[in-house]
PDB file of N, CA and C in Angstrom:
ATOM      1  N   UNK A   1      -3.752 -39.551   8.285  1.00  0.00           N
ATOM      2  CA  UNK A   1      -4.260 -38.651   7.264  1.00  0.00           C
ATOM      3  C   UNK A   1      -4.623 -37.312   7.898  1.00  0.00           C
ATOM      4  N   UNK A   2      -4.191 -36.221   7.319  1.00  0.00           N
ATOM      5  CA  UNK A   2      -4.423 -34.883   7.855  1.00  0.00           C
ATOM      6  C   UNK A   2      -5.771 -34.351   7.406  1.00  0.00           C
ATOM      7  N   UNK A   3      -6.373 -33.558   8.283  1.00  0.00           N
ATOM      8  CA  UNK A   3      -7.587 -32.854   7.901  1.00  0.00           C
ATOM      9  C   UNK A   3      -7.192 -31.640   7.065  1.00  0.00           C
ATOM     10  N   UNK A   4      -7.833 -31.478   5.927  1.00  0.00           N
ATOM     11  CA  UNK A   4      -7.568 -30.344   5.054  1.00  0.00           C
ATOM     12  C   UNK A   4      -8.694 -29.342   5.223  1.00  0.00           C
ATOM     13  N   UNK A   5      -8.328 -28.079   5.398  1.00  0.00           N
ATOM     14  CA  UNK A   5      -9.340 -27.039   5.478  1.00  0.00           C
ATOM     15  C   UNK A   5      -8.949 -25.916   4.529  1.00  0.00           C
ATOM     16  N   UNK A   6      -9.924 -25.114   4.181  1.00  0.00           N
ATOM     17  CA  UNK A   6      -9.698 -23.992   3.282  1.00  0.00           C
ATOM     18  C   UNK A   6      -9.660 -22.709   4.102  1.00  0.00           C
ATOM     19  N   UNK A   7      -8.712 -21.860   3.785  1.00  0.00           N
ATOM     20  CA  UNK A   7      -8.614 -20.563   4.432  1.00  0.00           C
ATOM     21  C   UNK A   7      -8.869 -19.497   3.380  1.00  0.00           C
ATOM     22  N   UNK A   8      -9.869 -18.690   3.604  1.00  0.00           N
ATOM     23  CA  UNK A   8     -10.198 -17.625   2.676  1.00  0.00           C
ATOM     24  C   UNK A   8      -9.341 -16.409   2.987  1.00  0.00           C
ATOM     25  N   UNK A   9      -8.724 -15.869   1.957  1.00  0.00           N
ATOM     26  CA  UNK A   9      -7.953 -14.634   2.102  1.00  0.00           C
ATOM     27  C   UNK A   9      -8.431 -13.635   1.056  1.00  0.00           C
ATOM     28  N   UNK A  10      -8.064 -12.381   1.251  1.00  0.00           N
ATOM     29  CA  UNK A  10      -8.539 -11.306   0.390  1.00  0.00           C
ATOM     30  C   UNK A  10      -7.371 -10.468  -0.100  1.00  0.00           C
ATOM     31  N   UNK A  11      -7.525  -9.911  -1.264  1.00  0.00           N
ATOM     32  CA  UNK A  11      -6.544  -9.025  -1.859  1.00  0.00           C
ATOM     33  C   UNK A  11      -7.167  -7.632  -1.896  1.00  0.00           C
ATOM     34  N   UNK A  12      -6.529  -6.664  -1.254  1.00  0.00           N
ATOM     35  CA  UNK A  12      -7.032  -5.293  -1.203  1.00  0.00           C
ATOM     36  C   UNK A  12      -6.115  -4.387  -2.012  1.00  0.00           C
ATOM     37  N   UNK A  13      -6.683  -3.552  -2.851  1.00  0.00           N
ATOM     38  CA  UNK A  13      -5.919  -2.578  -3.623  1.00  0.00           C
ATOM     39  C   UNK A  13      -6.071  -1.205  -2.968  1.00  0.00           C
ATOM     40  N   UNK A  14      -4.950  -0.563  -2.705  1.00  0.00           N
ATOM     41  CA  UNK A  14      -4.928   0.748  -2.064  1.00  0.00           C
ATOM     42  C   UNK A  14      -4.186   1.747  -2.943  1.00  0.00           C
ATOM     43  N   UNK A  15      -4.451   3.015  -2.711  1.00  0.00           N
ATOM     44  CA  UNK A  15      -3.618   4.069  -3.279  1.00  0.00           C
ATOM     45  C   UNK A  15      -3.265   5.032  -2.159  1.00  0.00           C
ATOM     46  N   UNK A  16      -2.289   5.860  -2.393  1.00  0.00           N
ATOM     47  CA  UNK A  16      -1.796   6.758  -1.356  1.00  0.00           C
ATOM     48  C   UNK A  16      -1.571   8.142  -1.956  1.00  0.00           C
ATOM     49  N   UNK A  17      -1.892   9.166  -1.174  1.00  0.00           N
ATOM     50  CA  UNK A  17      -1.676  10.535  -1.615  1.00  0.00           C
ATOM     51  C   UNK A  17      -0.393  11.104  -1.037  1.00  0.00           C
ATOM     52  N   UNK A  18       0.370  11.777  -1.881  1.00  0.00           N
ATOM     53  CA  UNK A  18       1.570  12.469  -1.426  1.00  0.00           C
ATOM     54  C   UNK A  18       1.881  13.586  -2.404  1.00  0.00           C
ATOM     55  N   UNK A  19       2.745  14.459  -1.999  1.00  0.00           N
ATOM     56  CA  UNK A  19       3.097  15.607  -2.830  1.00  0.00           C
ATOM     57  C   UNK A  19       4.594  15.640  -3.082  1.00  0.00           C
ATOM     58  N   UNK A  20       4.956  16.205  -4.215  1.00  0.00           N
ATOM     59  CA  UNK A  20       6.353  16.426  -4.544  1.00  0.00           C
ATOM     60  C   UNK A  20       6.500  17.923  -4.813  1.00  0.00           C
ATOM     61  N   UNK A  21       7.360  18.574  -4.054  1.00  0.00           N
ATOM     62  CA  UNK A  21       7.585  20.008  -4.260  1.00  0.00           C
ATOM     63  C   UNK A  21       8.891  20.218  -5.019  1.00  0.00           C
ATOM     64  N   UNK A  22       9.075  21.433  -5.480  1.00  0.00           N
ATOM     65  CA  UNK A  22      10.292  21.848  -6.197  1.00  0.00           C
ATOM     66  C   UNK A  22      10.538  21.083  -7.493  1.00  0.00           C
ATOM     67  N   UNK A  23       9.468  20.706  -8.168  1.00  0.00           N
ATOM     68  CA  UNK A  23       9.614  20.071  -9.472  1.00  0.00           C
ATOM     69  C   UNK A  23       9.997  21.121 -10.509  1.00  0.00           C
ATOM     70  N   UNK A  24      10.751  20.710 -11.490  1.00  0.00           N
ATOM     71  CA  UNK A  24      11.125  21.593 -12.594  1.00  0.00           C
ATOM     72  C   UNK A  24      10.048  21.634 -13.686  1.00  0.00           C
ATOM     73  N   UNK A  25       9.000  20.820 -13.518  1.00  0.00           N
ATOM     74  CA  UNK A  25       8.009  20.661 -14.581  1.00  0.00           C
ATOM     75  C   UNK A  25       6.627  21.098 -14.116  1.00  0.00           C
ATOM     76  N   UNK A  26       5.920  21.800 -14.996  1.00  0.00           N
ATOM     77  CA  UNK A  26       4.545  22.213 -14.707  1.00  0.00           C
ATOM     78  C   UNK A  26       3.599  21.029 -14.797  1.00  0.00           C
ATOM     79  N   UNK A  27       3.821  20.145 -15.750  1.00  0.00           N
ATOM     80  CA  UNK A  27       2.957  18.985 -15.973  1.00  0.00           C
ATOM     81  C   UNK A  27       3.416  17.809 -15.114  1.00  0.00           C
ATOM     82  N   UNK A  28       2.491  17.232 -14.359  1.00  0.00           N
ATOM     83  CA  UNK A  28       2.827  16.130 -13.451  1.00  0.00           C
ATOM     84  C   UNK A  28       3.359  14.904 -14.191  1.00  0.00           C
ATOM     85  N   UNK A  29       2.865  14.639 -15.383  1.00  0.00           N
ATOM     86  CA  UNK A  29       3.363  13.490 -16.139  1.00  0.00           C
ATOM     87  C   UNK A  29       4.813  13.708 -16.572  1.00  0.00           C
ATOM     88  N   UNK A  30       5.172  14.942 -16.898  1.00  0.00           N
ATOM     89  CA  UNK A  30       6.580  15.242 -17.210  1.00  0.00           C
ATOM     90  C   UNK A  30       7.441  15.028 -15.979  1.00  0.00           C
ATOM     91  N   UNK A  31       6.921  15.438 -14.825  1.00  0.00           N
ATOM     92  CA  UNK A  31       7.628  15.215 -13.564  1.00  0.00           C
ATOM     93  C   UNK A  31       7.869  13.721 -13.355  1.00  0.00           C
ATOM     94  N   UNK A  32       6.834  12.900 -13.533  1.00  0.00           N
ATOM     95  CA  UNK A  32       6.981  11.453 -13.378  1.00  0.00           C
ATOM     96  C   UNK A  32       8.028  10.884 -14.325  1.00  0.00           C
ATOM     97  N   UNK A  33       8.022  11.399 -15.540  1.00  0.00           N
ATOM     98  CA  UNK A  33       8.949  10.879 -16.547  1.00  0.00           C
ATOM     99  C   UNK A  33      10.398  11.305 -16.294  1.00  0.00           C
ATOM    100  N   UNK A  34      10.595  12.554 -15.899  1.00  0.00           N
ATOM    101  CA  UNK A  34      11.954  13.106 -15.832  1.00  0.00           C
ATOM    102  C   UNK A  34      12.525  13.237 -14.421  1.00  0.00           C
ATOM    103  N   UNK A  35      11.692  13.124 -13.409  1.00  0.00           N
ATOM    104  CA  UNK A  35      12.164  13.274 -12.041  1.00  0.00           C
ATOM    105  C   UNK A  35      11.823  12.044 -11.200  1.00  0.00           C
ATOM    106  N   UNK A  36      12.040  10.900 -11.782  1.00  0.00           N
ATOM    107  CA  UNK A  36      11.686   9.631 -11.154  1.00  0.00           C
ATOM    108  C   UNK A  36      12.255   9.509  -9.741  1.00  0.00           C
ATOM    109  N   UNK A  37      13.517   9.805  -9.559  1.00  0.00           N
ATOM    110  CA  UNK A  37      14.140   9.655  -8.237  1.00  0.00           C
ATOM    111  C   UNK A  37      13.504  10.597  -7.213  1.00  0.00           C
ATOM    112  N   UNK A  38      13.204  11.832  -7.619  1.00  0.00           N
ATOM    113  CA  UNK A  38      12.539  12.776  -6.717  1.00  0.00           C
ATOM    114  C   UNK A  38      11.153  12.254  -6.322  1.00  0.00           C
ATOM    115  N   UNK A  39      10.441  11.692  -7.287  1.00  0.00           N
ATOM    116  CA  UNK A  39       9.102  11.152  -7.028  1.00  0.00           C
ATOM    117  C   UNK A  39       9.176  10.037  -5.993  1.00  0.00           C
ATOM    118  N   UNK A  40      10.097   9.100  -6.185  1.00  0.00           N
ATOM    119  CA  UNK A  40      10.187   7.975  -5.257  1.00  0.00           C
ATOM    120  C   UNK A  40      10.729   8.388  -3.894  1.00  0.00           C
ATOM    121  N   UNK A  41      11.609   9.355  -3.856  1.00  0.00           N
ATOM    122  CA  UNK A  41      12.086   9.859  -2.560  1.00  0.00           C
ATOM    123  C   UNK A  41      10.948  10.526  -1.792  1.00  0.00           C
ATOM    124  N   UNK A  42      10.122  11.302  -2.487  1.00  0.00           N
ATOM    125  CA  UNK A  42       8.980  11.950  -1.837  1.00  0.00           C
ATOM    126  C   UNK A  42       7.972  10.905  -1.344  1.00  0.00           C
ATOM    127  N   UNK A  43       7.739   9.868  -2.145  1.00  0.00           N
ATOM    128  CA  UNK A  43       6.835   8.795  -1.741  1.00  0.00           C
ATOM    129  C   UNK A  43       7.388   8.058  -0.526  1.00  0.00           C
ATOM    130  N   UNK A  44       8.662   7.743  -0.557  1.00  0.00           N
ATOM    131  CA  UNK A  44       9.303   7.055   0.561  1.00  0.00           C
ATOM    132  C   UNK A  44       9.181   7.873   1.848  1.00  0.00           C
ATOM    133  N   UNK A  45       9.399   9.179   1.760  1.00  0.00           N
ATOM    134  CA  UNK A  45       9.280  10.053   2.926  1.00  0.00           C
ATOM    135  C   UNK A  45       7.836  10.076   3.425  1.00  0.00           C
ATOM    136  N   UNK A  46       6.883  10.139   2.505  1.00  0.00           N
ATOM    137  CA  UNK A  46       5.463  10.171   2.894  1.00  0.00           C
ATOM    138  C   UNK A  46       5.078   8.879   3.614  1.00  0.00           C
ATOM    139  N   UNK A  47       5.481   7.750   3.086  1.00  0.00           N
ATOM    140  CA  UNK A  47       5.162   6.463   3.709  1.00  0.00           C
ATOM    141  C   UNK A  47       5.759   6.398   5.112  1.00  0.00           C
ATOM    142  N   UNK A  48       6.992   6.827   5.260  1.00  0.00           N
ATOM    143  CA  UNK A  48       7.632   6.810   6.576  1.00  0.00           C
ATOM    144  C   UNK A  48       6.919   7.749   7.549  1.00  0.00           C
ATOM    145  N   UNK A  49       6.535   8.931   7.081  1.00  0.00           N
ATOM    146  CA  UNK A  49       5.795   9.862   7.941  1.00  0.00           C
ATOM    147  C   UNK A  49       4.460   9.260   8.385  1.00  0.00           C
ATOM    148  N   UNK A  50       3.777   8.584   7.479  1.00  0.00           N
ATOM    149  CA  UNK A  50       2.494   7.947   7.827  1.00  0.00           C
ATOM    150  C   UNK A  50       2.702   6.767   8.765  1.00  0.00           C
ATOM    151  N   UNK A  51       3.737   5.978   8.504  1.00  0.00           N
ATOM    152  CA  UNK A  51       4.013   4.799   9.328  1.00  0.00           C
ATOM    153  C   UNK A  51       4.320   5.185  10.766  1.00  0.00           C
ATOM    154  N   UNK A  52       5.078   6.241  10.943  1.00  0.00           N
ATOM    155  CA  UNK A  52       5.494   6.644  12.284  1.00  0.00           C
ATOM    156  C   UNK A  52       4.511   7.584  12.968  1.00  0.00           C
ATOM    157  N   UNK A  53       3.511   8.069  12.236  1.00  0.00           N
ATOM    158  CA  UNK A  53       2.568   9.011  12.826  1.00  0.00           C
ATOM    159  C   UNK A  53       3.206  10.358  13.117  1.00  0.00           C
ATOM    160  N   UNK A  54       4.164  10.744  12.297  1.00  0.00           N
ATOM    161  CA  UNK A  54       4.922  11.979  12.517  1.00  0.00           C
ATOM    162  C   UNK A  54       4.015  13.192  12.717  1.00  0.00           C
ATOM    163  N   UNK A  55       2.990  13.337  11.907  1.00  0.00           N
ATOM    164  CA  UNK A  55       2.113  14.498  11.994  1.00  0.00           C
ATOM    165  C   UNK A  55       0.900  14.227  12.869  1.00  0.00           C
ATOM    166  N   UNK A  56       0.298  13.067  12.685  1.00  0.00           N
ATOM    167  CA  UNK A  56      -0.871  12.681  13.473  1.00  0.00           C
ATOM    168  C   UNK A  56      -0.950  11.158  13.427  1.00  0.00           C
ATOM    169  N   UNK A  57      -1.185  10.516  14.565  1.00  0.00           N
ATOM    170  CA  UNK A  57      -1.149   9.045  14.612  1.00  0.00           C
ATOM    171  C   UNK A  57      -2.089   8.347  13.630  1.00  0.00           C
ATOM    172  N   UNK A  58      -3.217   8.948  13.308  1.00  0.00           N
ATOM    173  CA  UNK A  58      -4.181   8.292  12.413  1.00  0.00           C
ATOM    174  C   UNK A  58      -4.289   8.962  11.050  1.00  0.00           C
ATOM    175  N   UNK A  59      -3.303   9.754  10.693  1.00  0.00           N
ATOM    176  CA  UNK A  59      -3.332  10.453   9.410  1.00  0.00           C
ATOM    177  C   UNK A  59      -3.404   9.481   8.229  1.00  0.00           C
ATOM    178  N   UNK A  60      -2.851   8.300   8.407  1.00  0.00           N
ATOM    179  CA  UNK A  60      -2.839   7.336   7.301  1.00  0.00           C
ATOM    180  C   UNK A  60      -4.240   6.947   6.847  1.00  0.00           C
ATOM    181  N   UNK A  61      -5.247   7.050   7.748  1.00  0.00           N
ATOM    182  CA  UNK A  61      -6.618   6.750   7.344  1.00  0.00           C
ATOM    183  C   UNK A  61      -7.104   7.707   6.255  1.00  0.00           C
ATOM    184  N   UNK A  62      -6.645   8.934   6.297  1.00  0.00           N
ATOM    185  CA  UNK A  62      -7.031   9.911   5.276  1.00  0.00           C
ATOM    186  C   UNK A  62      -6.141   9.819   4.043  1.00  0.00           C
ATOM    187  N   UNK A  63      -4.895   9.458   4.228  1.00  0.00           N
ATOM    188  CA  UNK A  63      -3.931   9.470   3.127  1.00  0.00           C
ATOM    189  C   UNK A  63      -3.992   8.221   2.255  1.00  0.00           C
ATOM    190  N   UNK A  64      -4.515   7.130   2.793  1.00  0.00           N
ATOM    191  CA  UNK A  64      -4.563   5.873   2.049  1.00  0.00           C
ATOM    192  C   UNK A  64      -6.007   5.571   1.669  1.00  0.00           C
ATOM    193  N   UNK A  65      -6.221   5.398   0.386  1.00  0.00           N
ATOM    194  CA  UNK A  65      -7.558   5.080  -0.118  1.00  0.00           C
ATOM    195  C   UNK A  65      -7.632   3.627  -0.556  1.00  0.00           C
ATOM    196  N   UNK A  66      -8.848   3.111  -0.544  1.00  0.00           N
ATOM    197  CA  UNK A  66      -9.101   1.735  -0.968  1.00  0.00           C
ATOM    198  C   UNK A  66      -9.997   1.788  -2.196  1.00  0.00           C
ATOM    199  N   UNK A  67      -9.646   1.021  -3.227  1.00  0.00           N
ATOM    200  CA  UNK A  67     -10.484   1.053  -4.419  1.00  0.00           C
ATOM    201  C   UNK A  67     -10.903  -0.308  -4.952  1.00  0.00           C
ATOM    202  N   UNK A  68     -10.431  -1.395  -4.359  1.00  0.00           N
ATOM    203  CA  UNK A  68     -10.886  -2.705  -4.827  1.00  0.00           C
ATOM    204  C   UNK A  68     -10.507  -3.783  -3.817  1.00  0.00           C
ATOM    205  N   UNK A  69     -11.348  -4.800  -3.731  1.00  0.00           N
ATOM    206  CA  UNK A  69     -11.074  -5.988  -2.932  1.00  0.00           C
ATOM    207  C   UNK A  69     -11.618  -7.195  -3.674  1.00  0.00           C
ATOM    208  N   UNK A  70     -10.869  -8.263  -3.653  1.00  0.00           N
ATOM    209  CA  UNK A  70     -11.409  -9.502  -4.194  1.00  0.00           C
ATOM    210  C   UNK A  70     -10.926 -10.679  -3.358  1.00  0.00           C
ATOM    211  N   UNK A  71     -11.742 -11.721  -3.372  1.00  0.00           N
ATOM    212  CA  UNK A  71     -11.384 -12.941  -2.656  1.00  0.00           C
ATOM    213  C   UNK A  71     -10.351 -13.689  -3.473  1.00  0.00           C
ATOM    214  N   UNK A  72      -9.276 -14.077  -2.818  1.00  0.00           N
ATOM    215  CA  UNK A  72      -8.233 -14.833  -3.496  1.00  0.00           C
ATOM    216  C   UNK A  72      -8.625 -16.305  -3.566  1.00  0.00           C
ATOM    217  N   UNK A  73      -7.925 -17.018  -4.417  1.00  0.00           N
ATOM    218  CA  UNK A  73      -8.158 -18.456  -4.471  1.00  0.00           C
ATOM    219  C   UNK A  73      -7.867 -19.036  -3.098  1.00  0.00           C
ATOM    220  N   UNK A  74      -8.704 -19.940  -2.679  1.00  0.00           N
ATOM    221  CA  UNK A  74      -8.518 -20.535  -1.358  1.00  0.00           C
ATOM    222  C   UNK A  74      -7.316 -21.460  -1.365  1.00  0.00           C
ATOM    223  N   UNK A  75      -6.640 -21.465  -0.245  1.00  0.00           N
ATOM    224  CA  UNK A  75      -5.436 -22.273  -0.081  1.00  0.00           C
ATOM    225  C   UNK A  75      -5.757 -23.464   0.810  1.00  0.00           C
ATOM    226  N   UNK A  76      -5.317 -24.629   0.396  1.00  0.00           N
ATOM    227  CA  UNK A  76      -5.455 -25.801   1.247  1.00  0.00           C
ATOM    228  C   UNK A  76      -4.423 -25.718   2.365  1.00  0.00           C
ATOM    229  N   UNK A  77      -4.870 -25.874   3.591  1.00  0.00           N
ATOM    230  CA  UNK A  77      -3.979 -25.861   4.739  1.00  0.00           C
ATOM    231  C   UNK A  77      -4.162 -27.150   5.517  1.00  0.00           C
ATOM    232  N   UNK A  78      -3.074 -27.727   5.915  1.00  0.00           N
ATOM    233  CA  UNK A  78      -3.152 -28.856   6.805  1.00  0.00           C
ATOM    234  C   UNK A  78      -3.488 -28.306   8.194  1.00  0.00           C
ATOM    235  N   UNK A  79      -4.406 -28.952   8.888  1.00  0.00           N
ATOM    236  CA  UNK A  79      -4.839 -28.461  10.184  1.00  0.00           C
ATOM    237  C   UNK A  79      -3.631 -28.172  11.071  1.00  0.00           C
ATOM    238  N   UNK A  80      -3.652 -27.007  11.695  1.00  0.00           N
ATOM    239  CA  UNK A  80      -2.565 -26.601  12.569  1.00  0.00           C
ATOM    240  C   UNK A  80      -1.550 -25.702  11.878  1.00  0.00           C
ATOM    241  N   UNK A  81      -1.507 -25.675  10.557  1.00  0.00           N
ATOM    242  CA  UNK A  81      -0.578 -24.818   9.841  1.00  0.00           C
ATOM    243  C   UNK A  81      -1.174 -23.429   9.702  1.00  0.00           C
ATOM    244  N   UNK A  82      -0.394 -22.414   9.961  1.00  0.00           N
ATOM    245  CA  UNK A  82      -0.772 -21.022   9.735  1.00  0.00           C
ATOM    246  C   UNK A  82      -2.047 -20.614  10.462  1.00  0.00           C
ATOM    247  N   UNK A  83      -2.384 -21.263  11.574  1.00  0.00           N
ATOM    248  CA  UNK A  83      -3.552 -20.822  12.340  1.00  0.00           C
ATOM    249  C   UNK A  83      -3.247 -19.496  12.966  1.00  0.00           C
ATOM    250  N   UNK A  84      -4.222 -18.607  12.909  1.00  0.00           N
ATOM    251  CA  UNK A  84      -4.041 -17.281  13.517  1.00  0.00           C
ATOM    252  C   UNK A  84      -4.954 -17.141  14.700  1.00  0.00           C
TER     253      UNK A  84
END
């Protein structure tokens, strides 16, 4: 018979700041609606720049915000599984 233990994990909600230049729209919501591909390309570039530390190695601490955390349902683990 295996020993069962509970592992507590957490769910963190983050947001990220980035900019999109050369939009055809004055209103940001219009930009989101009509320039979807430009928005996602700019986001993808921002994430890559933060991941690689292109501008500053710790810039991601300023660019990524945290707004919520909650404890997830505990998972039953058989002893020895997923030990960190």
